[in-house]
């Protein structure tokens, strides 16, 4: 309910791949 904000702290490559995969 109300949504959830999640902060992901990581190194550059894992965050980069989450981003590019999420956008196809």
PDBML (XML) file of the C-alpha atoms, coordinates in Angstrom:
<?xml version="1.0" encoding="UTF-8" ?>
<PDBx:datablock datablockName="MODEL"
   xmlns:PDBx="http://pdbml.pdb.org/schema/pdbx-v50.xsd"
   xmlns:xsi="http://www.w3.org/2001/XMLSchema-instance"
   xsi:schemaLocation="http://pdbml.pdb.org/schema/pdbx-v50.xsd pdbx-v50.xsd">
   <PDBx:atom_siteCategory>
      <PDBx:atom_site id="1">
         <PDBx:B_iso_or_equiv>0.00</PDBx:B_iso_or_equiv>
         <PDBx:Cartn_x>0.000</PDBx:Cartn_x>
         <PDBx:Cartn_y>0.000</PDBx:Cartn_y>
         <PDBx:Cartn_z>0.000</PDBx:Cartn_z>
         <PDBx:auth_asym_id>A</PDBx:auth_asym_id>
         <PDBx:auth_atom_id>CA</PDBx:auth_atom_id>
         <PDBx:auth_comp_id>UNK</PDBx:auth_comp_id>
         <PDBx:auth_seq_id>1</PDBx:auth_seq_id>
         <PDBx:group_PDB>ATOM</PDBx:group_PDB>
         <PDBx:label_alt_id xsi:nil="true" />
         <PDBx:label_asym_id>A</PDBx:label_asym_id>
         <PDBx:label_atom_id>CA</PDBx:label_atom_id>
         <PDBx:label_comp_id>UNK</PDBx:label_comp_id>
         <PDBx:label_entity_id>1</PDBx:label_entity_id>
         <PDBx:label_seq_id>1</PDBx:label_seq_id>
         <PDBx:occupancy>1.00</PDBx:occupancy>
         <PDBx:pdbx_PDB_model_num>1</PDBx:pdbx_PDB_model_num>
         <PDBx:type_symbol>C</PDBx:type_symbol>
      </PDBx:atom_site>
      <PDBx:atom_site id="2">
         <PDBx:B_iso_or_equiv>0.00</PDBx:B_iso_or_equiv>
         <PDBx:Cartn_x>1.282</PDBx:Cartn_x>
         <PDBx:Cartn_y>3.425</PDBx:Cartn_y>
         <PDBx:Cartn_z>-0.949</PDBx:Cartn_z>
         <PDBx:auth_asym_id>A</PDBx:auth_asym_id>
         <PDBx:auth_atom_id>CA</PDBx:auth_atom_id>
         <PDBx:auth_comp_id>UNK</PDBx:auth_comp_id>
         <PDBx:auth_seq_id>2</PDBx:auth_seq_id>
         <PDBx:group_PDB>ATOM</PDBx:group_PDB>
         <PDBx:label_alt_id xsi:nil="true" />
         <PDBx:label_asym_id>A</PDBx:label_asym_id>
         <PDBx:label_atom_id>CA</PDBx:label_atom_id>
         <PDBx:label_comp_id>UNK</PDBx:label_comp_id>
         <PDBx:label_entity_id>1</PDBx:label_entity_id>
         <PDBx:label_seq_id>2</PDBx:label_seq_id>
         <PDBx:occupancy>1.00</PDBx:occupancy>
         <PDBx:pdbx_PDB_model_num>1</PDBx:pdbx_PDB_model_num>
         <PDBx:type_symbol>C</PDBx:type_symbol>
      </PDBx:atom_site>
      <PDBx:atom_site id="3">
         <PDBx:B_iso_or_equiv>0.00</PDBx:B_iso_or_equiv>
         <PDBx:Cartn_x>4.150</PDBx:Cartn_x>
         <PDBx:Cartn_y>1.908</PDBx:Cartn_y>
         <PDBx:Cartn_z>-2.884</PDBx:Cartn_z>
         <PDBx:auth_asym_id>A</PDBx:auth_asym_id>
         <PDBx:auth_atom_id>CA</PDBx:auth_atom_id>
         <PDBx:auth_comp_id>UNK</PDBx:auth_comp_id>
         <PDBx:auth_seq_id>3</PDBx:auth_seq_id>
         <PDBx:group_PDB>ATOM</PDBx:group_PDB>
         <PDBx:label_alt_id xsi:nil="true" />
         <PDBx:label_asym_id>A</PDBx:label_asym_id>
         <PDBx:label_atom_id>CA</PDBx:label_atom_id>
         <PDBx:label_comp_id>UNK</PDBx:label_comp_id>
         <PDBx:label_entity_id>1</PDBx:label_entity_id>
         <PDBx:label_seq_id>3</PDBx:label_seq_id>
         <PDBx:occupancy>1.00</PDBx:occupancy>
         <PDBx:pdbx_PDB_model_num>1</PDBx:pdbx_PDB_model_num>
         <PDBx:type_symbol>C</PDBx:type_symbol>
      </PDBx:atom_site>
      <PDBx:atom_site id="4">
         <PDBx:B_iso_or_equiv>0.00</PDBx:B_iso_or_equiv>
         <PDBx:Cartn_x>7.616</PDBx:Cartn_x>
         <PDBx:Cartn_y>1.238</PDBx:Cartn_y>
         <PDBx:Cartn_z>-1.636</PDBx:Cartn_z>
         <PDBx:auth_asym_id>A</PDBx:auth_asym_id>
         <PDBx:auth_atom_id>CA</PDBx:auth_atom_id>
         <PDBx:auth_comp_id>UNK</PDBx:auth_comp_id>
         <PDBx:auth_seq_id>4</PDBx:auth_seq_id>
         <PDBx:group_PDB>ATOM</PDBx:group_PDB>
         <PDBx:label_alt_id xsi:nil="true" />
         <PDBx:label_asym_id>A</PDBx:label_asym_id>
         <PDBx:label_atom_id>CA</PDBx:label_atom_id>
         <PDBx:label_comp_id>UNK</PDBx:label_comp_id>
         <PDBx:label_entity_id>1</PDBx:label_entity_id>
         <PDBx:label_seq_id>4</PDBx:label_seq_id>
         <PDBx:occupancy>1.00</PDBx:occupancy>
         <PDBx:pdbx_PDB_model_num>1</PDBx:pdbx_PDB_model_num>
         <PDBx:type_symbol>C</PDBx:type_symbol>
      </PDBx:atom_site>
      <PDBx:atom_site id="5">
         <PDBx:B_iso_or_equiv>0.00</PDBx:B_iso_or_equiv>
         <PDBx:Cartn_x>10.809</PDBx:Cartn_x>
         <PDBx:Cartn_y>3.152</PDBx:Cartn_y>
         <PDBx:Cartn_z>-2.309</PDBx:Cartn_z>
         <PDBx:auth_asym_id>A</PDBx:auth_asym_id>
         <PDBx:auth_atom_id>CA</PDBx:auth_atom_id>
         <PDBx:auth_comp_id>UNK</PDBx:auth_comp_id>
         <PDBx:auth_seq_id>5</PDBx:auth_seq_id>
         <PDBx:group_PDB>ATOM</PDBx:group_PDB>
         <PDBx:label_alt_id xsi:nil="true" />
         <PDBx:label_asym_id>A</PDBx:label_asym_id>
         <PDBx:label_atom_id>CA</PDBx:label_atom_id>
         <PDBx:label_comp_id>UNK</PDBx:label_comp_id>
         <PDBx:label_entity_id>1</PDBx:label_entity_id>
         <PDBx:label_seq_id>5</PDBx:label_seq_id>
         <PDBx:occupancy>1.00</PDBx:occupancy>
         <PDBx:pdbx_PDB_model_num>1</PDBx:pdbx_PDB_model_num>
         <PDBx:type_symbol>C</PDBx:type_symbol>
      </PDBx:atom_site>
      <PDBx:atom_site id="6">
         <PDBx:B_iso_or_equiv>0.00</PDBx:B_iso_or_equiv>
         <PDBx:Cartn_x>13.855</PDBx:Cartn_x>
         <PDBx:Cartn_y>0.931</PDBx:Cartn_y>
         <PDBx:Cartn_z>-2.314</PDBx:Cartn_z>
         <PDBx:auth_asym_id>A</PDBx:auth_asym_id>
         <PDBx:auth_atom_id>CA</PDBx:auth_atom_id>
         <PDBx:auth_comp_id>UNK</PDBx:auth_comp_id>
         <PDBx:auth_seq_id>6</PDBx:auth_seq_id>
         <PDBx:group_PDB>ATOM</PDBx:group_PDB>
         <PDBx:label_alt_id xsi:nil="true" />
         <PDBx:label_asym_id>A</PDBx:label_asym_id>
         <PDBx:label_atom_id>CA</PDBx:label_atom_id>
         <PDBx:label_comp_id>UNK</PDBx:label_comp_id>
         <PDBx:label_entity_id>1</PDBx:label_entity_id>
         <PDBx:label_seq_id>6</PDBx:label_seq_id>
         <PDBx:occupancy>1.00</PDBx:occupancy>
         <PDBx:pdbx_PDB_model_num>1</PDBx:pdbx_PDB_model_num>
         <PDBx:type_symbol>C</PDBx:type_symbol>
      </PDBx:atom_site>
      <PDBx:atom_site id="7">
         <PDBx:B_iso_or_equiv>0.00</PDBx:B_iso_or_equiv>
         <PDBx:Cartn_x>17.394</PDBx:Cartn_x>
         <PDBx:Cartn_y>2.282</PDBx:Cartn_y>
         <PDBx:Cartn_z>-2.272</PDBx:Cartn_z>
         <PDBx:auth_asym_id>A</PDBx:auth_asym_id>
         <PDBx:auth_atom_id>CA</PDBx:auth_atom_id>
         <PDBx:auth_comp_id>UNK</PDBx:auth_comp_id>
         <PDBx:auth_seq_id>7</PDBx:auth_seq_id>
         <PDBx:group_PDB>ATOM</PDBx:group_PDB>
         <PDBx:label_alt_id xsi:nil="true" />
         <PDBx:label_asym_id>A</PDBx:label_asym_id>
         <PDBx:label_atom_id>CA</PDBx:label_atom_id>
         <PDBx:label_comp_id>UNK</PDBx:label_comp_id>
         <PDBx:label_entity_id>1</PDBx:label_entity_id>
         <PDBx:label_seq_id>7</PDBx:label_seq_id>
         <PDBx:occupancy>1.00</PDBx:occupancy>
         <PDBx:pdbx_PDB_model_num>1</PDBx:pdbx_PDB_model_num>
         <PDBx:type_symbol>C</PDBx:type_symbol>
      </PDBx:atom_site>
      <PDBx:atom_site id="8">
         <PDBx:B_iso_or_equiv>0.00</PDBx:B_iso_or_equiv>
         <PDBx:Cartn_x>19.886</PDBx:Cartn_x>
         <PDBx:Cartn_y>-0.028</PDBx:Cartn_y>
         <PDBx:Cartn_z>-3.959</PDBx:Cartn_z>
         <PDBx:auth_asym_id>A</PDBx:auth_asym_id>
         <PDBx:auth_atom_id>CA</PDBx:auth_atom_id>
         <PDBx:auth_comp_id>UNK</PDBx:auth_comp_id>
         <PDBx:auth_seq_id>8</PDBx:auth_seq_id>
         <PDBx:group_PDB>ATOM</PDBx:group_PDB>
         <PDBx:label_alt_id xsi:nil="true" />
         <PDBx:label_asym_id>A</PDBx:label_asym_id>
         <PDBx:label_atom_id>CA</PDBx:label_atom_id>
         <PDBx:label_comp_id>UNK</PDBx:label_comp_id>
         <PDBx:label_entity_id>1</PDBx:label_entity_id>
         <PDBx:label_seq_id>8</PDBx:label_seq_id>
         <PDBx:occupancy>1.00</PDBx:occupancy>
         <PDBx:pdbx_PDB_model_num>1</PDBx:pdbx_PDB_model_num>
         <PDBx:type_symbol>C</PDBx:type_symbol>
      </PDBx:atom_site>
      <PDBx:atom_site id="9">
         <PDBx:B_iso_or_equiv>0.00</PDBx:B_iso_or_equiv>
         <PDBx:Cartn_x>23.518</PDBx:Cartn_x>
         <PDBx:Cartn_y>0.518</PDBx:Cartn_y>
         <PDBx:Cartn_z>-3.048</PDBx:Cartn_z>
         <PDBx:auth_asym_id>A</PDBx:auth_asym_id>
         <PDBx:auth_atom_id>CA</PDBx:auth_atom_id>
         <PDBx:auth_comp_id>UNK</PDBx:auth_comp_id>
         <PDBx:auth_seq_id>9</PDBx:auth_seq_id>
         <PDBx:group_PDB>ATOM</PDBx:group_PDB>
         <PDBx:label_alt_id xsi:nil="true" />
         <PDBx:label_asym_id>A</PDBx:label_asym_id>
         <PDBx:label_atom_id>CA</PDBx:label_atom_id>
         <PDBx:label_comp_id>UNK</PDBx:label_comp_id>
         <PDBx:label_entity_id>1</PDBx:label_entity_id>
         <PDBx:label_seq_id>9</PDBx:label_seq_id>
         <PDBx:occupancy>1.00</PDBx:occupancy>
         <PDBx:pdbx_PDB_model_num>1</PDBx:pdbx_PDB_model_num>
         <PDBx:type_symbol>C</PDBx:type_symbol>
      </PDBx:atom_site>
      <PDBx:atom_site id="10">
         <PDBx:B_iso_or_equiv>0.00</PDBx:B_iso_or_equiv>
         <PDBx:Cartn_x>25.996</PDBx:Cartn_x>
         <PDBx:Cartn_y>-1.391</PDBx:Cartn_y>
         <PDBx:Cartn_z>-5.138</PDBx:Cartn_z>
         <PDBx:auth_asym_id>A</PDBx:auth_asym_id>
         <PDBx:auth_atom_id>CA</PDBx:auth_atom_id>
         <PDBx:auth_comp_id>UNK</PDBx:auth_comp_id>
         <PDBx:auth_seq_id>10</PDBx:auth_seq_id>
         <PDBx:group_PDB>ATOM</PDBx:group_PDB>
         <PDBx:label_alt_id xsi:nil="true" />
         <PDBx:label_asym_id>A</PDBx:label_asym_id>
         <PDBx:label_atom_id>CA</PDBx:label_atom_id>
         <PDBx:label_comp_id>UNK</PDBx:label_comp_id>
         <PDBx:label_entity_id>1</PDBx:label_entity_id>
         <PDBx:label_seq_id>10</PDBx:label_seq_id>
         <PDBx:occupancy>1.00</PDBx:occupancy>
         <PDBx:pdbx_PDB_model_num>1</PDBx:pdbx_PDB_model_num>
         <PDBx:type_symbol>C</PDBx:type_symbol>
      </PDBx:atom_site>
      <PDBx:atom_site id="11">
         <PDBx:B_iso_or_equiv>0.00</PDBx:B_iso_or_equiv>
         <PDBx:Cartn_x>28.946</PDBx:Cartn_x>
         <PDBx:Cartn_y>-1.123</PDBx:Cartn_y>
         <PDBx:Cartn_z>-7.466</PDBx:Cartn_z>
         <PDBx:auth_asym_id>A</PDBx:auth_asym_id>
         <PDBx:auth_atom_id>CA</PDBx:auth_atom_id>
         <PDBx:auth_comp_id>UNK</PDBx:auth_comp_id>
         <PDBx:auth_seq_id>11</PDBx:auth_seq_id>
         <PDBx:group_PDB>ATOM</PDBx:group_PDB>
         <PDBx:label_alt_id xsi:nil="true" />
         <PDBx:label_asym_id>A</PDBx:label_asym_id>
         <PDBx:label_atom_id>CA</PDBx:label_atom_id>
         <PDBx:label_comp_id>UNK</PDBx:label_comp_id>
         <PDBx:label_entity_id>1</PDBx:label_entity_id>
         <PDBx:label_seq_id>11</PDBx:label_seq_id>
         <PDBx:occupancy>1.00</PDBx:occupancy>
         <PDBx:pdbx_PDB_model_num>1</PDBx:pdbx_PDB_model_num>
         <PDBx:type_symbol>C</PDBx:type_symbol>
      </PDBx:atom_site>
      <PDBx:atom_site id="12">
         <PDBx:B_iso_or_equiv>0.00</PDBx:B_iso_or_equiv>
         <PDBx:Cartn_x>28.568</PDBx:Cartn_x>
         <PDBx:Cartn_y>0.471</PDBx:Cartn_y>
         <PDBx:Cartn_z>-10.886</PDBx:Cartn_z>
         <PDBx:auth_asym_id>A</PDBx:auth_asym_id>
         <PDBx:auth_atom_id>CA</PDBx:auth_atom_id>
         <PDBx:auth_comp_id>UNK</PDBx:auth_comp_id>
         <PDBx:auth_seq_id>12</PDBx:auth_seq_id>
         <PDBx:group_PDB>ATOM</PDBx:group_PDB>
         <PDBx:label_alt_id xsi:nil="true" />
         <PDBx:label_asym_id>A</PDBx:label_asym_id>
         <PDBx:label_atom_id>CA</PDBx:label_atom_id>
         <PDBx:label_comp_id>UNK</PDBx:label_comp_id>
         <PDBx:label_entity_id>1</PDBx:label_entity_id>
         <PDBx:label_seq_id>12</PDBx:label_seq_id>
         <PDBx:occupancy>1.00</PDBx:occupancy>
         <PDBx:pdbx_PDB_model_num>1</PDBx:pdbx_PDB_model_num>
         <PDBx:type_symbol>C</PDBx:type_symbol>
      </PDBx:atom_site>
      <PDBx:atom_site id="13">
         <PDBx:B_iso_or_equiv>0.00</PDBx:B_iso_or_equiv>
         <PDBx:Cartn_x>28.294</PDBx:Cartn_x>
         <PDBx:Cartn_y>-2.633</PDBx:Cartn_y>
         <PDBx:Cartn_z>-13.073</PDBx:Cartn_z>
         <PDBx:auth_asym_id>A</PDBx:auth_asym_id>
         <PDBx:auth_atom_id>CA</PDBx:auth_atom_id>
         <PDBx:auth_comp_id>UNK</PDBx:auth_comp_id>
         <PDBx:auth_seq_id>13</PDBx:auth_seq_id>
         <PDBx:group_PDB>ATOM</PDBx:group_PDB>
         <PDBx:label_alt_id xsi:nil="true" />
         <PDBx:label_asym_id>A</PDBx:label_asym_id>
         <PDBx:label_atom_id>CA</PDBx:label_atom_id>
         <PDBx:label_comp_id>UNK</PDBx:label_comp_id>
         <PDBx:label_entity_id>1</PDBx:label_entity_id>
         <PDBx:label_seq_id>13</PDBx:label_seq_id>
         <PDBx:occupancy>1.00</PDBx:occupancy>
         <PDBx:pdbx_PDB_model_num>1</PDBx:pdbx_PDB_model_num>
         <PDBx:type_symbol>C</PDBx:type_symbol>
      </PDBx:atom_site>
      <PDBx:atom_site id="14">
         <PDBx:B_iso_or_equiv>0.00</PDBx:B_iso_or_equiv>
         <PDBx:Cartn_x>25.424</PDBx:Cartn_x>
         <PDBx:Cartn_y>-4.363</PDBx:Cartn_y>
         <PDBx:Cartn_z>-11.210</PDBx:Cartn_z>
         <PDBx:auth_asym_id>A</PDBx:auth_asym_id>
         <PDBx:auth_atom_id>CA</PDBx:auth_atom_id>
         <PDBx:auth_comp_id>UNK</PDBx:auth_comp_id>
         <PDBx:auth_seq_id>14</PDBx:auth_seq_id>
         <PDBx:group_PDB>ATOM</PDBx:group_PDB>
         <PDBx:label_alt_id xsi:nil="true" />
         <PDBx:label_asym_id>A</PDBx:label_asym_id>
         <PDBx:label_atom_id>CA</PDBx:label_atom_id>
         <PDBx:label_comp_id>UNK</PDBx:label_comp_id>
         <PDBx:label_entity_id>1</PDBx:label_entity_id>
         <PDBx:label_seq_id>14</PDBx:label_seq_id>
         <PDBx:occupancy>1.00</PDBx:occupancy>
         <PDBx:pdbx_PDB_model_num>1</PDBx:pdbx_PDB_model_num>
         <PDBx:type_symbol>C</PDBx:type_symbol>
      </PDBx:atom_site>
      <PDBx:atom_site id="15">
         <PDBx:B_iso_or_equiv>0.00</PDBx:B_iso_or_equiv>
         <PDBx:Cartn_x>23.410</PDBx:Cartn_x>
         <PDBx:Cartn_y>-1.127</PDBx:Cartn_y>
         <PDBx:Cartn_z>-11.129</PDBx:Cartn_z>
         <PDBx:auth_asym_id>A</PDBx:auth_asym_id>
         <PDBx:auth_atom_id>CA</PDBx:auth_atom_id>
         <PDBx:auth_comp_id>UNK</PDBx:auth_comp_id>
         <PDBx:auth_seq_id>15</PDBx:auth_seq_id>
         <PDBx:group_PDB>ATOM</PDBx:group_PDB>
         <PDBx:label_alt_id xsi:nil="true" />
         <PDBx:label_asym_id>A</PDBx:label_asym_id>
         <PDBx:label_atom_id>CA</PDBx:label_atom_id>
         <PDBx:label_comp_id>UNK</PDBx:label_comp_id>
         <PDBx:label_entity_id>1</PDBx:label_entity_id>
         <PDBx:label_seq_id>15</PDBx:label_seq_id>
         <PDBx:occupancy>1.00</PDBx:occupancy>
         <PDBx:pdbx_PDB_model_num>1</PDBx:pdbx_PDB_model_num>
         <PDBx:type_symbol>C</PDBx:type_symbol>
      </PDBx:atom_site>
      <PDBx:atom_site id="16">
         <PDBx:B_iso_or_equiv>0.00</PDBx:B_iso_or_equiv>
         <PDBx:Cartn_x>24.227</PDBx:Cartn_x>
         <PDBx:Cartn_y>-0.486</PDBx:Cartn_y>
         <PDBx:Cartn_z>-14.796</PDBx:Cartn_z>
         <PDBx:auth_asym_id>A</PDBx:auth_asym_id>
         <PDBx:auth_atom_id>CA</PDBx:auth_atom_id>
         <PDBx:auth_comp_id>UNK</PDBx:auth_comp_id>
         <PDBx:auth_seq_id>16</PDBx:auth_seq_id>
         <PDBx:group_PDB>ATOM</PDBx:group_PDB>
         <PDBx:label_alt_id xsi:nil="true" />
         <PDBx:label_asym_id>A</PDBx:label_asym_id>
         <PDBx:label_atom_id>CA</PDBx:label_atom_id>
         <PDBx:label_comp_id>UNK</PDBx:label_comp_id>
         <PDBx:label_entity_id>1</PDBx:label_entity_id>
         <PDBx:label_seq_id>16</PDBx:label_seq_id>
         <PDBx:occupancy>1.00</PDBx:occupancy>
         <PDBx:pdbx_PDB_model_num>1</PDBx:pdbx_PDB_model_num>
         <PDBx:type_symbol>C</PDBx:type_symbol>
      </PDBx:atom_site>
      <PDBx:atom_site id="17">
         <PDBx:B_iso_or_equiv>0.00</PDBx:B_iso_or_equiv>
         <PDBx:Cartn_x>22.944</PDBx:Cartn_x>
         <PDBx:Cartn_y>-3.942</PDBx:Cartn_y>
         <PDBx:Cartn_z>-15.765</PDBx:Cartn_z>
         <PDBx:auth_asym_id>A</PDBx:auth_asym_id>
         <PDBx:auth_atom_id>CA</PDBx:auth_atom_id>
         <PDBx:auth_comp_id>UNK</PDBx:auth_comp_id>
         <PDBx:auth_seq_id>17</PDBx:auth_seq_id>
         <PDBx:group_PDB>ATOM</PDBx:group_PDB>
         <PDBx:label_alt_id xsi:nil="true" />
         <PDBx:label_asym_id>A</PDBx:label_asym_id>
         <PDBx:label_atom_id>CA</PDBx:label_atom_id>
         <PDBx:label_comp_id>UNK</PDBx:label_comp_id>
         <PDBx:label_entity_id>1</PDBx:label_entity_id>
         <PDBx:label_seq_id>17</PDBx:label_seq_id>
         <PDBx:occupancy>1.00</PDBx:occupancy>
         <PDBx:pdbx_PDB_model_num>1</PDBx:pdbx_PDB_model_num>
         <PDBx:type_symbol>C</PDBx:type_symbol>
      </PDBx:atom_site>
      <PDBx:atom_site id="18">
         <PDBx:B_iso_or_equiv>0.00</PDBx:B_iso_or_equiv>
         <PDBx:Cartn_x>19.785</PDBx:Cartn_x>
         <PDBx:Cartn_y>-3.572</PDBx:Cartn_y>
         <PDBx:Cartn_z>-13.687</PDBx:Cartn_z>
         <PDBx:auth_asym_id>A</PDBx:auth_asym_id>
         <PDBx:auth_atom_id>CA</PDBx:auth_atom_id>
         <PDBx:auth_comp_id>UNK</PDBx:auth_comp_id>
         <PDBx:auth_seq_id>18</PDBx:auth_seq_id>
         <PDBx:group_PDB>ATOM</PDBx:group_PDB>
         <PDBx:label_alt_id xsi:nil="true" />
         <PDBx:label_asym_id>A</PDBx:label_asym_id>
         <PDBx:label_atom_id>CA</PDBx:label_atom_id>
         <PDBx:label_comp_id>UNK</PDBx:label_comp_id>
         <PDBx:label_entity_id>1</PDBx:label_entity_id>
         <PDBx:label_seq_id>18</PDBx:label_seq_id>
         <PDBx:occupancy>1.00</PDBx:occupancy>
         <PDBx:pdbx_PDB_model_num>1</PDBx:pdbx_PDB_model_num>
         <PDBx:type_symbol>C</PDBx:type_symbol>
      </PDBx:atom_site>
      <PDBx:atom_site id="19">
         <PDBx:B_iso_or_equiv>0.00</PDBx:B_iso_or_equiv>
         <PDBx:Cartn_x>19.099</PDBx:Cartn_x>
         <PDBx:Cartn_y>-0.329</PDBx:Cartn_y>
         <PDBx:Cartn_z>-15.511</PDBx:Cartn_z>
         <PDBx:auth_asym_id>A</PDBx:auth_asym_id>
         <PDBx:auth_atom_id>CA</PDBx:auth_atom_id>
         <PDBx:auth_comp_id>UNK</PDBx:auth_comp_id>
         <PDBx:auth_seq_id>19</PDBx:auth_seq_id>
         <PDBx:group_PDB>ATOM</PDBx:group_PDB>
         <PDBx:label_alt_id xsi:nil="true" />
         <PDBx:label_asym_id>A</PDBx:label_asym_id>
         <PDBx:label_atom_id>CA</PDBx:label_atom_id>
         <PDBx:label_comp_id>UNK</PDBx:label_comp_id>
         <PDBx:label_entity_id>1</PDBx:label_entity_id>
         <PDBx:label_seq_id>19</PDBx:label_seq_id>
         <PDBx:occupancy>1.00</PDBx:occupancy>
         <PDBx:pdbx_PDB_model_num>1</PDBx:pdbx_PDB_model_num>
         <PDBx:type_symbol>C</PDBx:type_symbol>
      </PDBx:atom_site>
      <PDBx:atom_site id="20">
         <PDBx:B_iso_or_equiv>0.00</PDBx:B_iso_or_equiv>
         <PDBx:Cartn_x>19.786</PDBx:Cartn_x>
         <PDBx:Cartn_y>-1.514</PDBx:Cartn_y>
         <PDBx:Cartn_z>-19.060</PDBx:Cartn_z>
         <PDBx:auth_asym_id>A</PDBx:auth_asym_id>
         <PDBx:auth_atom_id>CA</PDBx:auth_atom_id>
         <PDBx:auth_comp_id>UNK</PDBx:auth_comp_id>
         <PDBx:auth_seq_id>20</PDBx:auth_seq_id>
         <PDBx:group_PDB>ATOM</PDBx:group_PDB>
         <PDBx:label_alt_id xsi:nil="true" />
         <PDBx:label_asym_id>A</PDBx:label_asym_id>
         <PDBx:label_atom_id>CA</PDBx:label_atom_id>
         <PDBx:label_comp_id>UNK</PDBx:label_comp_id>
         <PDBx:label_entity_id>1</PDBx:label_entity_id>
         <PDBx:label_seq_id>20</PDBx:label_seq_id>
         <PDBx:occupancy>1.00</PDBx:occupancy>
         <PDBx:pdbx_PDB_model_num>1</PDBx:pdbx_PDB_model_num>
         <PDBx:type_symbol>C</PDBx:type_symbol>
      </PDBx:atom_site>
      <PDBx:atom_site id="21">
         <PDBx:B_iso_or_equiv>0.00</PDBx:B_iso_or_equiv>
         <PDBx:Cartn_x>17.920</PDBx:Cartn_x>
         <PDBx:Cartn_y>-4.796</PDBx:Cartn_y>
         <PDBx:Cartn_z>-18.559</PDBx:Cartn_z>
         <PDBx:auth_asym_id>A</PDBx:auth_asym_id>
         <PDBx:auth_atom_id>CA</PDBx:auth_atom_id>
         <PDBx:auth_comp_id>UNK</PDBx:auth_comp_id>
         <PDBx:auth_seq_id>21</PDBx:auth_seq_id>
         <PDBx:group_PDB>ATOM</PDBx:group_PDB>
         <PDBx:label_alt_id xsi:nil="true" />
         <PDBx:label_asym_id>A</PDBx:label_asym_id>
         <PDBx:label_atom_id>CA</PDBx:label_atom_id>
         <PDBx:label_comp_id>UNK</PDBx:label_comp_id>
         <PDBx:label_entity_id>1</PDBx:label_entity_id>
         <PDBx:label_seq_id>21</PDBx:label_seq_id>
         <PDBx:occupancy>1.00</PDBx:occupancy>
         <PDBx:pdbx_PDB_model_num>1</PDBx:pdbx_PDB_model_num>
         <PDBx:type_symbol>C</PDBx:type_symbol>
      </PDBx:atom_site>
      <PDBx:atom_site id="22">
         <PDBx:B_iso_or_equiv>0.00</PDBx:B_iso_or_equiv>
         <PDBx:Cartn_x>14.907</PDBx:Cartn_x>
         <PDBx:Cartn_y>-3.016</PDBx:Cartn_y>
         <PDBx:Cartn_z>-17.070</PDBx:Cartn_z>
         <PDBx:auth_asym_id>A</PDBx:auth_asym_id>
         <PDBx:auth_atom_id>CA</PDBx:auth_atom_id>
         <PDBx:auth_comp_id>UNK</PDBx:auth_comp_id>
         <PDBx:auth_seq_id>22</PDBx:auth_seq_id>
         <PDBx:group_PDB>ATOM</PDBx:group_PDB>
         <PDBx:label_alt_id xsi:nil="true" />
         <PDBx:label_asym_id>A</PDBx:label_asym_id>
         <PDBx:label_atom_id>CA</PDBx:label_atom_id>
         <PDBx:label_comp_id>UNK</PDBx:label_comp_id>
         <PDBx:label_entity_id>1</PDBx:label_entity_id>
         <PDBx:label_seq_id>22</PDBx:label_seq_id>
         <PDBx:occupancy>1.00</PDBx:occupancy>
         <PDBx:pdbx_PDB_model_num>1</PDBx:pdbx_PDB_model_num>
         <PDBx:type_symbol>C</PDBx:type_symbol>
      </PDBx:atom_site>
      <PDBx:atom_site id="23">
         <PDBx:B_iso_or_equiv>0.00</PDBx:B_iso_or_equiv>
         <PDBx:Cartn_x>14.753</PDBx:Cartn_x>
         <PDBx:Cartn_y>-0.803</PDBx:Cartn_y>
         <PDBx:Cartn_z>-20.176</PDBx:Cartn_z>
         <PDBx:auth_asym_id>A</PDBx:auth_asym_id>
         <PDBx:auth_atom_id>CA</PDBx:auth_atom_id>
         <PDBx:auth_comp_id>UNK</PDBx:auth_comp_id>
         <PDBx:auth_seq_id>23</PDBx:auth_seq_id>
         <PDBx:group_PDB>ATOM</PDBx:group_PDB>
         <PDBx:label_alt_id xsi:nil="true" />
         <PDBx:label_asym_id>A</PDBx:label_asym_id>
         <PDBx:label_atom_id>CA</PDBx:label_atom_id>
         <PDBx:label_comp_id>UNK</PDBx:label_comp_id>
         <PDBx:label_entity_id>1</PDBx:label_entity_id>
         <PDBx:label_seq_id>23</PDBx:label_seq_id>
         <PDBx:occupancy>1.00</PDBx:occupancy>
         <PDBx:pdbx_PDB_model_num>1</PDBx:pdbx_PDB_model_num>
         <PDBx:type_symbol>C</PDBx:type_symbol>
      </PDBx:atom_site>
      <PDBx:atom_site id="24">
         <PDBx:B_iso_or_equiv>0.00</PDBx:B_iso_or_equiv>
         <PDBx:Cartn_x>15.381</PDBx:Cartn_x>
         <PDBx:Cartn_y>-3.664</PDBx:Cartn_y>
         <PDBx:Cartn_z>-22.620</PDBx:Cartn_z>
         <PDBx:auth_asym_id>A</PDBx:auth_asym_id>
         <PDBx:auth_atom_id>CA</PDBx:auth_atom_id>
         <PDBx:auth_comp_id>UNK</PDBx:auth_comp_id>
         <PDBx:auth_seq_id>24</PDBx:auth_seq_id>
         <PDBx:group_PDB>ATOM</PDBx:group_PDB>
         <PDBx:label_alt_id xsi:nil="true" />
         <PDBx:label_asym_id>A</PDBx:label_asym_id>
         <PDBx:label_atom_id>CA</PDBx:label_atom_id>
         <PDBx:label_comp_id>UNK</PDBx:label_comp_id>
         <PDBx:label_entity_id>1</PDBx:label_entity_id>
         <PDBx:label_seq_id>24</PDBx:label_seq_id>
         <PDBx:occupancy>1.00</PDBx:occupancy>
         <PDBx:pdbx_PDB_model_num>1</PDBx:pdbx_PDB_model_num>
         <PDBx:type_symbol>C</PDBx:type_symbol>
      </PDBx:atom_site>
   </PDBx:atom_siteCategory>
</PDBx:datablock>
